[in-house]
Structure formats: structure tokens, C-alpha cells
Amino acid sequence: MAKISTQEIIDAIKEMKILEVKELVDKMKEEFGVDPSAVAVAAAPVQGAAEEEKTSATVVLKDAGATKIQVIKVIRDITGLGLMEAKKLADEGGNIKENAPMDEANDIKAKLEEAGATVELA
């Protein structure tokens, strides 16, 4: 079996939806007996400190607007969340996607704004 590079693994994870990443983490816990998210959280500040140019952003929902149902549908498509979780996020606002590449963050922002939401990139 050909060895897969770390970068190839990271690139594959970037393509996953949040629910798929959660399932991957759960399977890694089961297989290896460790929580990979604890390592990722500890390593994240080091990576962020090295970056000077903003290459990623967090998409933050400020207000769902008058067409909340459309916004909920877009949130579900983007995040893979269930209906209740997406509705709660639309009602309360908050982070839709954290540390998304700038292109992806701008695409998500455009989709949500097209549905009637108020969004900002942090």
C-alpha cells in the first residue's frame, strides 16, 4: 500500500463536512484509543501564530433575516447539521464554519446572504 502524506490527509479532511469529520474522529478514538481533536486543538495556536497573511476565516451568522427557512436549508447544506441544530444556529447566530479557506468562506457568505442572512467573516 502506498504511503499517504500528511498533506494529502489534511487536504482530504478539508473537503469533508463537519459531520463526516466528527465520524472520522470517533473512528480514530475507537481504533487507536486516543482523541485526535485534543492534539489538533493544542497544535492550532502554533499554526495560527506563524501565519501573517489571512488565508482563512470564520463565517459568522449575525442574523437569519426574514427568510429564516431558506437560511436553515443553506446552513444544513454547508454544515451537515440536523434540522434542530441548524434552526438553533439560525435563531441564535454563531459560527457556521471555522478556519475555512478564504475562497470557501466567501462562497459560504455569498450563499447565506443570497438566502437573506447577515453574515460576517472573522
N, C-alpha and C. Protein backbone atom coordinates (compact mmCIF):
# COMPACT_ATOMS: atom_id res chain seq x y z
N MET A 1 0.84 -1.17 0.00
CA MET A 1 0.00 0.00 0.00
C MET A 1 0.89 1.24 0.00
N ALA A 2 0.59 2.18 -0.86
CA ALA A 2 1.37 3.41 -0.96
C ALA A 2 1.12 4.27 0.27
N LYS A 3 2.20 4.88 0.76
CA LYS A 3 2.09 5.74 1.93
C LYS A 3 1.44 7.06 1.54
N ILE A 4 0.48 7.52 2.35
CA ILE A 4 -0.23 8.77 2.11
C ILE A 4 0.46 9.85 2.93
N SER A 5 0.75 10.97 2.31
CA SER A 5 1.42 12.06 3.02
C SER A 5 0.46 12.76 3.97
N THR A 6 1.03 13.43 4.94
CA THR A 6 0.25 14.20 5.90
C THR A 6 -0.58 15.26 5.18
N GLN A 7 0.02 15.91 4.18
CA GLN A 7 -0.69 16.96 3.45
C GLN A 7 -1.89 16.38 2.70
N GLU A 8 -1.76 15.18 2.16
CA GLU A 8 -2.88 14.55 1.46
C GLU A 8 -4.03 14.26 2.43
N ILE A 9 -3.69 13.86 3.63
CA ILE A 9 -4.72 13.60 4.64
C ILE A 9 -5.41 14.91 5.01
N ILE A 10 -4.64 15.96 5.23
CA ILE A 10 -5.21 17.26 5.59
C ILE A 10 -6.10 17.77 4.46
N ASP A 11 -5.65 17.65 3.22
CA ASP A 11 -6.45 18.08 2.08
C ASP A 11 -7.77 17.32 2.00
N ALA A 12 -7.72 16.02 2.29
CA ALA A 12 -8.94 15.20 2.26
C ALA A 12 -9.91 15.64 3.37
N ILE A 13 -9.39 15.94 4.55
CA ILE A 13 -10.23 16.37 5.67
C ILE A 13 -10.87 17.71 5.37
N LYS A 14 -10.15 18.60 4.68
CA LYS A 14 -10.69 19.92 4.32
C LYS A 14 -11.92 19.79 3.43
N GLU A 15 -12.00 18.73 2.67
CA GLU A 15 -13.13 18.52 1.75
C GLU A 15 -14.36 17.94 2.46
N MET A 16 -14.18 17.48 3.69
CA MET A 16 -15.28 16.83 4.41
C MET A 16 -16.22 17.84 5.03
N LYS A 17 -17.46 17.41 5.25
CA LYS A 17 -18.43 18.18 6.02
C LYS A 17 -18.14 17.94 7.49
N ILE A 18 -18.65 18.81 8.34
CA ILE A 18 -18.39 18.73 9.78
C ILE A 18 -18.82 17.37 10.35
N LEU A 19 -19.96 16.88 9.92
CA LEU A 19 -20.45 15.60 10.42
C LEU A 19 -19.50 14.47 10.03
N GLU A 20 -18.96 14.53 8.82
CA GLU A 20 -18.02 13.50 8.36
C GLU A 20 -16.73 13.54 9.19
N VAL A 21 -16.26 14.74 9.52
CA VAL A 21 -15.06 14.88 10.34
C VAL A 21 -15.31 14.30 11.73
N LYS A 22 -16.51 14.59 12.29
CA LYS A 22 -16.85 14.05 13.61
C LYS A 22 -16.83 12.52 13.59
N GLU A 23 -17.39 11.93 12.53
CA GLU A 23 -17.39 10.47 12.41
C GLU A 23 -15.96 9.94 12.30
N LEU A 24 -15.10 10.64 11.57
CA LEU A 24 -13.70 10.25 11.45
C LEU A 24 -13.02 10.28 12.82
N VAL A 25 -13.24 11.35 13.58
CA VAL A 25 -12.64 11.47 14.91
C VAL A 25 -13.13 10.33 15.80
N ASP A 26 -14.42 10.02 15.75
CA ASP A 26 -14.96 8.93 16.56
C ASP A 26 -14.32 7.60 16.19
N LYS A 27 -14.12 7.36 14.90
CA LYS A 27 -13.49 6.11 14.45
C LYS A 27 -12.02 6.05 14.87
N MET A 28 -11.34 7.20 14.87
CA MET A 28 -9.94 7.23 15.30
C MET A 28 -9.84 6.95 16.80
N LYS A 29 -10.80 7.49 17.57
CA LYS A 29 -10.83 7.21 19.01
C LYS A 29 -10.97 5.71 19.25
N GLU A 30 -11.90 5.10 18.49
CA GLU A 30 -12.18 3.68 18.64
C GLU A 30 -10.99 2.84 18.21
N GLU A 31 -10.38 3.18 17.08
CA GLU A 31 -9.29 2.39 16.51
C GLU A 31 -8.01 2.50 17.32
N PHE A 32 -7.64 3.73 17.71
CA PHE A 32 -6.35 3.97 18.32
C PHE A 32 -6.41 4.27 19.83
N GLY A 33 -7.60 4.50 20.35
CA GLY A 33 -7.74 4.76 21.76
C GLY A 33 -7.27 6.15 22.18
N VAL A 34 -7.18 7.08 21.22
CA VAL A 34 -6.79 8.45 21.53
C VAL A 34 -7.77 9.41 20.91
N ASP A 35 -7.80 10.63 21.45
CA ASP A 35 -8.68 11.67 20.92
C ASP A 35 -7.86 12.60 20.03
N PRO A 36 -7.95 12.47 18.70
CA PRO A 36 -7.15 13.31 17.81
C PRO A 36 -7.52 14.78 17.88
N SER A 37 -8.73 15.10 18.33
CA SER A 37 -9.12 16.50 18.41
C SER A 37 -8.33 17.23 19.50
N ALA A 38 -7.92 16.54 20.55
CA ALA A 38 -7.12 17.18 21.60
C ALA A 38 -5.76 17.59 21.05
N VAL A 39 -5.19 16.79 20.19
CA VAL A 39 -3.91 17.12 19.57
C VAL A 39 -4.09 18.28 18.60
N ALA A 40 -5.17 18.26 17.84
CA ALA A 40 -5.42 19.32 16.86
C ALA A 40 -5.65 20.65 17.55
N VAL A 41 -6.34 20.65 18.68
CA VAL A 41 -6.60 21.89 19.42
C VAL A 41 -5.29 22.44 19.98
N ALA A 42 -4.44 21.59 20.46
CA ALA A 42 -3.16 22.04 21.02
C ALA A 42 -2.24 22.58 19.93
N ALA A 43 -2.31 22.03 18.73
CA ALA A 43 -1.44 22.45 17.64
C ALA A 43 -1.96 23.69 16.92
N ALA A 44 -3.24 23.98 17.01
CA ALA A 44 -3.83 25.09 16.25
C ALA A 44 -3.21 26.45 16.57
N PRO A 45 -2.99 26.84 17.82
CA PRO A 45 -2.41 28.16 18.08
C PRO A 45 -1.02 28.32 17.47
N VAL A 46 -0.23 27.27 17.44
CA VAL A 46 1.11 27.35 16.86
C VAL A 46 1.01 27.66 15.39
N GLN A 47 0.12 27.00 14.68
CA GLN A 47 -0.06 27.24 13.25
C GLN A 47 -0.57 28.65 13.02
N GLY A 48 -1.53 29.11 13.80
CA GLY A 48 -2.10 30.44 13.62
C GLY A 48 -1.09 31.54 13.89
N ALA A 49 -0.18 31.32 14.83
CA ALA A 49 0.82 32.33 15.15
C ALA A 49 1.82 32.50 14.01
N ALA A 50 2.06 31.44 13.25
CA ALA A 50 3.04 31.52 12.17
C ALA A 50 2.48 32.23 10.94
N GLU A 51 1.18 32.27 10.81
CA GLU A 51 0.58 32.88 9.63
C GLU A 51 0.47 34.39 9.80
N GLU A 52 0.98 35.12 8.82
CA GLU A 52 0.85 36.57 8.85
C GLU A 52 -0.28 37.02 7.95
N GLU A 53 -0.36 36.43 6.77
CA GLU A 53 -1.41 36.79 5.83
C GLU A 53 -2.66 35.97 6.14
N LYS A 54 -3.80 36.61 6.09
CA LYS A 54 -5.05 35.91 6.41
C LYS A 54 -5.43 34.99 5.25
N THR A 55 -5.35 33.70 5.49
CA THR A 55 -5.66 32.71 4.47
C THR A 55 -6.94 31.96 4.79
N SER A 56 -7.45 32.17 6.02
CA SER A 56 -8.70 31.51 6.40
C SER A 56 -9.53 32.47 7.22
N ALA A 57 -10.80 32.12 7.35
CA ALA A 57 -11.72 32.97 8.10
C ALA A 57 -12.80 32.10 8.73
N THR A 58 -13.42 32.65 9.75
CA THR A 58 -14.57 32.01 10.36
C THR A 58 -15.82 32.72 9.85
N VAL A 59 -16.76 31.95 9.34
CA VAL A 59 -18.01 32.50 8.83
C VAL A 59 -18.99 32.59 10.00
N VAL A 60 -19.42 33.82 10.31
CA VAL A 60 -20.27 34.05 11.48
C VAL A 60 -21.64 34.57 11.01
N LEU A 61 -22.69 33.86 11.40
CA LEU A 61 -24.06 34.28 11.10
C LEU A 61 -24.49 35.28 12.16
N LYS A 62 -24.82 36.50 11.73
CA LYS A 62 -25.27 37.54 12.64
C LYS A 62 -26.78 37.55 12.78
N ASP A 63 -27.50 37.35 11.65
CA ASP A 63 -28.96 37.39 11.66
C ASP A 63 -29.48 36.57 10.49
N ALA A 64 -30.47 35.75 10.73
CA ALA A 64 -31.04 34.91 9.67
C ALA A 64 -31.95 35.70 8.74
N GLY A 65 -32.43 36.85 9.17
CA GLY A 65 -33.28 37.66 8.31
C GLY A 65 -34.71 37.15 8.25
N ALA A 66 -35.44 37.69 7.29
CA ALA A 66 -36.87 37.38 7.16
C ALA A 66 -37.12 36.01 6.54
N THR A 67 -36.17 35.49 5.79
CA THR A 67 -36.34 34.19 5.12
C THR A 67 -35.56 33.11 5.86
N LYS A 68 -35.89 32.94 7.13
CA LYS A 68 -35.15 32.03 8.00
C LYS A 68 -35.15 30.58 7.50
N ILE A 69 -36.24 30.14 6.89
CA ILE A 69 -36.32 28.75 6.41
C ILE A 69 -35.27 28.52 5.33
N GLN A 70 -35.11 29.47 4.42
CA GLN A 70 -34.09 29.34 3.37
C GLN A 70 -32.70 29.32 3.99
N VAL A 71 -32.48 30.15 4.98
CA VAL A 71 -31.17 30.20 5.65
C VAL A 71 -30.89 28.87 6.35
N ILE A 72 -31.89 28.30 7.00
CA ILE A 72 -31.73 27.00 7.66
C ILE A 72 -31.34 25.93 6.65
N LYS A 73 -31.96 25.94 5.48
CA LYS A 73 -31.61 24.96 4.44
C LYS A 73 -30.16 25.12 4.02
N VAL A 74 -29.71 26.36 3.84
CA VAL A 74 -28.32 26.60 3.43
C VAL A 74 -27.37 26.15 4.54
N ILE A 75 -27.71 26.44 5.80
CA ILE A 75 -26.87 26.02 6.92
C ILE A 75 -26.73 24.50 6.94
N ARG A 76 -27.83 23.81 6.73
CA ARG A 76 -27.80 22.34 6.72
C ARG A 76 -26.93 21.82 5.59
N ASP A 77 -27.03 22.44 4.40
CA ASP A 77 -26.21 22.03 3.26
C ASP A 77 -24.73 22.22 3.54
N ILE A 78 -24.40 23.34 4.16
CA ILE A 78 -23.00 23.68 4.40
C ILE A 78 -22.40 22.82 5.52
N THR A 79 -23.13 22.68 6.62
CA THR A 79 -22.57 22.06 7.82
C THR A 79 -22.89 20.58 7.98
N GLY A 80 -23.97 20.12 7.37
CA GLY A 80 -24.38 18.74 7.59
C GLY A 80 -25.13 18.56 8.90
N LEU A 81 -25.50 19.67 9.55
CA LEU A 81 -26.25 19.60 10.81
C LEU A 81 -27.67 19.11 10.58
N GLY A 82 -28.28 18.63 11.63
CA GLY A 82 -29.68 18.25 11.59
C GLY A 82 -30.56 19.48 11.62
N LEU A 83 -31.84 19.28 11.42
CA LEU A 83 -32.79 20.39 11.36
C LEU A 83 -32.80 21.22 12.64
N MET A 84 -32.86 20.58 13.78
CA MET A 84 -32.95 21.32 15.05
C MET A 84 -31.67 22.12 15.32
N GLU A 85 -30.51 21.51 15.04
CA GLU A 85 -29.25 22.21 15.27
C GLU A 85 -29.13 23.41 14.32
N ALA A 86 -29.52 23.22 13.06
CA ALA A 86 -29.46 24.32 12.09
C ALA A 86 -30.43 25.43 12.46
N LYS A 87 -31.63 25.05 12.94
CA LYS A 87 -32.61 26.06 13.36
C LYS A 87 -32.08 26.86 14.55
N LYS A 88 -31.47 26.17 15.50
CA LYS A 88 -30.92 26.84 16.67
C LYS A 88 -29.83 27.83 16.24
N LEU A 89 -28.99 27.41 15.33
CA LEU A 89 -27.93 28.30 14.82
C LEU A 89 -28.52 29.50 14.10
N ALA A 90 -29.59 29.28 13.33
CA ALA A 90 -30.24 30.39 12.63
C ALA A 90 -30.91 31.34 13.63
N ASP A 91 -31.48 30.79 14.70
CA ASP A 91 -32.15 31.62 15.71
C ASP A 91 -31.15 32.44 16.53
N GLU A 92 -30.07 31.81 16.93
CA GLU A 92 -29.14 32.44 17.86
C GLU A 92 -27.93 33.08 17.18
N GLY A 93 -27.66 32.68 15.93
CA GLY A 93 -26.46 33.16 15.26
C GLY A 93 -25.25 32.39 15.77
N GLY A 94 -24.11 32.66 15.19
CA GLY A 94 -22.89 32.00 15.64
C GLY A 94 -22.04 31.56 14.47
N ASN A 95 -21.02 30.77 14.77
CA ASN A 95 -20.08 30.32 13.76
C ASN A 95 -20.69 29.23 12.89
N ILE A 96 -20.67 29.47 11.60
CA ILE A 96 -21.14 28.46 10.64
C ILE A 96 -20.00 27.52 10.30
N LYS A 97 -18.83 28.10 10.03
CA LYS A 97 -17.65 27.29 9.73
C LYS A 97 -16.43 28.05 10.20
N GLU A 98 -15.58 27.35 10.93
CA GLU A 98 -14.37 27.97 11.46
C GLU A 98 -13.16 27.60 10.60
N ASN A 99 -12.24 28.53 10.49
CA ASN A 99 -10.98 28.33 9.78
C ASN A 99 -11.17 27.80 8.36
N ALA A 100 -12.16 28.32 7.68
CA ALA A 100 -12.40 27.94 6.29
C ALA A 100 -11.43 28.72 5.40
N PRO A 101 -10.90 28.09 4.34
CA PRO A 101 -10.08 28.84 3.39
C PRO A 101 -10.87 30.04 2.88
N MET A 102 -10.18 31.12 2.57
CA MET A 102 -10.86 32.38 2.19
C MET A 102 -11.85 32.18 1.04
N ASP A 103 -11.47 31.41 0.02
CA ASP A 103 -12.39 31.18 -1.09
C ASP A 103 -13.68 30.51 -0.62
N GLU A 104 -13.52 29.47 0.20
CA GLU A 104 -14.69 28.76 0.71
C GLU A 104 -15.52 29.66 1.62
N ALA A 105 -14.85 30.43 2.47
CA ALA A 105 -15.55 31.34 3.38
C ALA A 105 -16.37 32.36 2.60
N ASN A 106 -15.80 32.91 1.55
CA ASN A 106 -16.52 33.88 0.73
C ASN A 106 -17.71 33.23 0.02
N ASP A 107 -17.54 31.97 -0.45
CA ASP A 107 -18.65 31.25 -1.09
C ASP A 107 -19.79 31.00 -0.11
N ILE A 108 -19.44 30.59 1.11
CA ILE A 108 -20.46 30.33 2.14
C ILE A 108 -21.18 31.63 2.47
N LYS A 109 -20.42 32.70 2.63
CA LYS A 109 -21.02 34.00 2.94
C LYS A 109 -22.00 34.41 1.85
N ALA A 110 -21.60 34.23 0.58
CA ALA A 110 -22.47 34.60 -0.54
C ALA A 110 -23.76 33.78 -0.54
N LYS A 111 -23.65 32.47 -0.27
CA LYS A 111 -24.83 31.61 -0.25
C LYS A 111 -25.80 32.04 0.85
N LEU A 112 -25.26 32.32 2.03
CA LEU A 112 -26.11 32.72 3.14
C LEU A 112 -26.76 34.08 2.89
N GLU A 113 -25.99 35.01 2.35
CA GLU A 113 -26.55 36.33 2.06
C GLU A 113 -27.60 36.26 0.96
N GLU A 114 -27.39 35.37 0.01
CA GLU A 114 -28.39 35.18 -1.06
C GLU A 114 -29.70 34.65 -0.47
N ALA A 115 -29.59 33.86 0.60
CA ALA A 115 -30.78 33.33 1.27
C ALA A 115 -31.42 34.36 2.19
N GLY A 116 -30.74 35.50 2.42
CA GLY A 116 -31.34 36.56 3.22
C GLY A 116 -30.68 36.79 4.58
N ALA A 117 -29.58 36.12 4.84
CA ALA A 117 -28.92 36.25 6.14
C ALA A 117 -27.90 37.40 6.15
N THR A 118 -27.58 37.84 7.35
CA THR A 118 -26.49 38.80 7.54
C THR A 118 -25.31 38.02 8.08
N VAL A 119 -24.18 38.11 7.37
CA VAL A 119 -23.01 37.29 7.67
C VAL A 119 -21.76 38.15 7.69
N GLU A 120 -20.81 37.76 8.53
CA GLU A 120 -19.51 38.44 8.50
C GLU A 120 -18.40 37.39 8.58
N LEU A 121 -17.24 37.76 8.10
CA LEU A 121 -16.07 36.89 8.18
C LEU A 121 -15.17 37.41 9.29
N ALA A 122 -14.79 36.53 10.17
CA ALA A 122 -13.91 36.93 11.29
C ALA A 122 -12.56 36.28 11.15
